Amino acid sequence: MKFLLSALVAMSALSFHEAKEDTSTENVREIAEWVFSKGGSVKYTNDDDKEVEIQDVDDLPEDSPITVVQLSEYEDIGNHQLKMIKDLPDLKTLNVLGSKCVNDNDLKEIGELTTLTTLVIAATSINGNGFRHLTDLESLQNLRCGGAPIRDVSLAPQENAQAQISRSG
């Protein structure tokens, strides 16, 4: 009886894990559809570790991680959309260049995208007060923030710095 009970618990856990994976794949596709509906694009990493840009969800292979989201000059991004993007566990690059609706409050959400290596927030409405939310992005190597003053000394370019911070647009 004890063996049967253990087997049932293990099968339930497996079913839950599989259902969670399906939801995750579904979320990735929903996020991609949302990005496409706003005129943006995404990239995924293929089996050869190359990034492939697509602009239609039908071109996104099942179980392919989205690594890049580009929403340049999109005027309607807010915390809700950025919270949605947090469901992309393999996101390496977020580009919201010229999206005037992105502001310092949104940097809190962006600061939770811990896998980011590149962040493009130039020509947005960021005024520099929210950069403190990005200090935990340990993987961040490139930050393009032209037009946004960096007031937080911990993010200012330093001698021998690993990250590249560009203040140009």
Protein backbone atom coordinates (compact mmCIF):
# COMPACT_ATOMS: atom_id res chain seq x y z
CA MET A 1 0.00 0.00 0.00
CA LYS A 2 2.82 2.38 0.90
CA PHE A 3 4.44 1.73 -2.51
CA LEU A 4 1.15 2.43 -4.32
CA LEU A 5 0.70 5.68 -2.43
CA SER A 6 4.28 6.77 -3.26
CA ALA A 7 3.71 5.94 -6.93
CA LEU A 8 0.50 8.00 -7.01
CA VAL A 9 2.22 10.97 -5.40
CA ALA A 10 5.10 10.73 -7.89
CA MET A 11 2.66 10.52 -10.84
CA SER A 12 0.73 13.54 -9.54
CA ALA A 13 3.94 15.54 -9.22
CA LEU A 14 4.94 14.55 -12.75
CA SER A 15 1.54 15.55 -14.12
CA PHE A 16 1.73 18.89 -12.30
CA HIS A 17 5.24 19.52 -13.68
CA GLU A 18 4.11 18.70 -17.23
CA ALA A 19 1.09 20.98 -16.89
CA LYS A 20 3.33 23.77 -15.60
CA GLU A 21 5.64 23.34 -18.63
CA ASP A 22 2.65 23.50 -20.98
CA THR A 23 1.49 26.72 -19.33
CA SER A 24 4.99 28.15 -19.65
CA THR A 25 5.13 27.32 -23.39
CA GLU A 26 1.66 28.78 -23.77
CA ASN A 27 2.75 31.97 -21.98
CA VAL A 28 5.77 32.33 -24.24
CA ARG A 29 3.56 32.07 -27.32
CA GLU A 30 1.04 34.56 -25.86
CA ILE A 31 3.81 37.04 -25.12
CA ALA A 32 5.18 36.62 -28.64
CA GLU A 33 1.71 37.23 -30.08
CA TRP A 34 1.37 40.39 -27.99
CA VAL A 35 4.79 41.66 -29.15
CA PHE A 36 3.86 40.99 -32.79
CA SER A 37 0.50 42.72 -32.38
CA LYS A 38 2.37 45.87 -31.33
CA GLY A 39 4.64 45.78 -34.37
CA GLY A 40 7.57 44.35 -32.46
CA SER A 41 9.66 41.29 -33.06
CA VAL A 42 11.27 38.51 -31.07
CA LYS A 43 14.25 36.28 -31.49
CA TYR A 44 14.66 32.74 -30.29
CA THR A 45 17.73 30.58 -29.99
CA ASN A 46 17.74 27.61 -32.33
CA ASP A 47 19.42 24.23 -31.82
CA ASP A 48 22.69 25.64 -33.24
CA ASP A 49 22.70 28.40 -30.56
CA LYS A 50 21.96 31.06 -33.18
CA GLU A 51 19.37 33.77 -32.67
CA VAL A 52 16.61 33.74 -35.27
CA GLU A 53 14.32 36.77 -35.65
CA ILE A 54 10.66 36.15 -36.35
CA GLN A 55 7.61 38.37 -36.70
CA ASP A 56 4.85 35.77 -36.60
CA VAL A 57 4.02 33.37 -33.78
CA ASP A 58 3.57 30.53 -36.28
CA ASP A 59 7.31 30.76 -36.97
CA LEU A 60 8.17 30.16 -33.30
CA PRO A 61 9.10 26.50 -32.85
CA GLU A 62 7.53 24.73 -29.90
CA ASP A 63 9.75 24.81 -26.78
CA SER A 64 12.07 27.47 -28.23
CA PRO A 65 13.12 30.09 -25.71
CA ILE A 66 12.60 33.73 -26.63
CA THR A 67 15.87 35.53 -26.01
CA VAL A 68 15.18 38.97 -27.53
CA VAL A 69 12.13 41.26 -27.39
CA GLN A 70 12.16 44.40 -29.52
CA LEU A 71 9.43 46.96 -28.96
CA SER A 72 11.16 50.04 -30.31
CA GLU A 73 9.08 53.22 -30.42
CA TYR A 74 6.00 51.50 -29.09
CA GLU A 75 3.83 53.98 -27.24
CA ASP A 76 1.79 51.75 -24.96
CA ILE A 77 4.07 49.72 -22.72
CA GLY A 78 3.41 49.76 -19.02
CA ASN A 79 3.93 47.70 -15.92
CA HIS A 80 1.31 45.13 -17.00
CA GLN A 81 3.17 44.36 -20.22
CA LEU A 82 6.53 44.34 -18.50
CA LYS A 83 5.18 41.93 -15.90
CA MET A 84 4.14 39.69 -18.78
CA ILE A 85 7.65 39.80 -20.24
CA LYS A 86 9.00 38.53 -16.90
CA ASP A 87 7.54 35.15 -17.89
CA LEU A 88 10.35 34.78 -20.44
CA PRO A 89 12.99 32.93 -18.40
CA ASP A 90 15.63 33.05 -21.16
CA LEU A 91 15.30 36.71 -22.13
CA LYS A 92 18.72 38.20 -22.86
CA THR A 93 17.83 41.45 -24.65
CA LEU A 94 15.01 43.93 -24.13
CA ASN A 95 14.84 46.85 -26.56
CA VAL A 96 12.29 49.59 -25.91
CA LEU A 97 14.23 52.34 -27.73
CA GLY A 98 12.06 55.40 -28.26
CA SER A 99 9.10 54.06 -26.29
CA LYS A 100 8.14 57.28 -24.52
CA CYS A 101 5.72 55.54 -22.15
CA VAL A 102 8.60 53.67 -20.45
CA ASN A 103 9.58 55.60 -17.32
CA ASP A 104 11.48 55.22 -14.05
CA ASN A 105 8.62 53.27 -12.43
CA ASP A 106 8.99 50.62 -15.15
CA LEU A 107 12.63 50.06 -14.23
CA LYS A 108 11.44 48.16 -11.15
CA GLU A 109 9.83 45.54 -13.42
CA ILE A 110 12.80 45.55 -15.78
CA GLY A 111 15.10 45.07 -12.79
CA GLU A 112 13.50 41.69 -12.19
CA LEU A 113 14.55 40.40 -15.63
CA THR A 114 17.65 38.80 -14.14
CA THR A 115 18.80 37.06 -17.33
CA LEU A 116 19.18 40.31 -19.29
CA THR A 117 22.58 40.93 -20.85
CA THR A 118 21.48 43.87 -23.03
CA LEU A 119 18.96 46.59 -22.21
CA VAL A 120 18.10 49.41 -24.60
CA ILE A 121 16.09 52.16 -22.92
CA ALA A 122 17.40 55.18 -24.86
CA ALA A 123 14.97 57.93 -25.87
CA THR A 124 12.34 56.86 -23.33
CA SER A 125 10.82 58.91 -20.51
CA ILE A 126 13.33 57.63 -17.97
CA ASN A 127 14.80 60.53 -16.02
CA GLY A 128 17.38 58.59 -14.04
CA ASN A 129 15.66 58.22 -10.69
CA GLY A 130 14.83 54.53 -11.20
CA PHE A 131 18.25 53.18 -12.18
CA ARG A 132 18.70 51.82 -8.64
CA HIS A 133 16.27 49.06 -9.64
CA LEU A 134 18.79 47.73 -12.17
CA THR A 135 21.64 47.13 -9.72
CA ASP A 136 20.76 43.44 -9.26
CA LEU A 137 21.03 42.68 -12.99
CA GLU A 138 24.34 40.85 -12.59
CA SER A 139 24.29 39.49 -16.16
CA LEU A 140 23.76 42.95 -17.71
CA GLN A 141 26.68 43.78 -20.02
CA ASN A 142 25.22 46.47 -22.30
CA LEU A 143 22.99 49.34 -21.25
CA ARG A 144 21.93 51.91 -23.85
CA CYS A 145 20.26 54.75 -22.03
CA GLY A 146 20.83 57.83 -24.20
CA GLY A 147 18.88 60.82 -22.99
CA ALA A 148 18.53 59.49 -19.45
CA PRO A 149 20.84 60.97 -16.82
CA ILE A 150 22.53 58.38 -14.63
CA ARG A 151 22.24 59.74 -11.11
CA ASP A 152 23.12 56.52 -9.32
CA VAL A 153 26.91 56.36 -8.96
CA SER A 154 26.78 52.54 -8.79
CA LEU A 155 25.71 52.48 -12.45
CA ALA A 156 28.07 55.15 -13.76
CA PRO A 157 30.81 53.86 -16.09
CA GLN A 158 33.89 53.00 -14.07
CA GLU A 159 37.46 52.22 -14.96
CA ASN A 160 37.92 48.53 -15.82
CA ALA A 161 34.14 48.04 -15.85
CA GLN A 162 32.87 44.83 -17.43
CA ALA A 163 29.63 46.38 -18.64
CA GLN A 164 29.31 48.78 -21.54
CA ILE A 165 27.07 51.73 -20.81
CA SER A 166 26.17 53.91 -23.74
CA ARG A 167 24.54 57.25 -23.24
CA SER A 168 24.06 57.83 -26.94
CA GLY A 169 20.67 57.24 -28.54
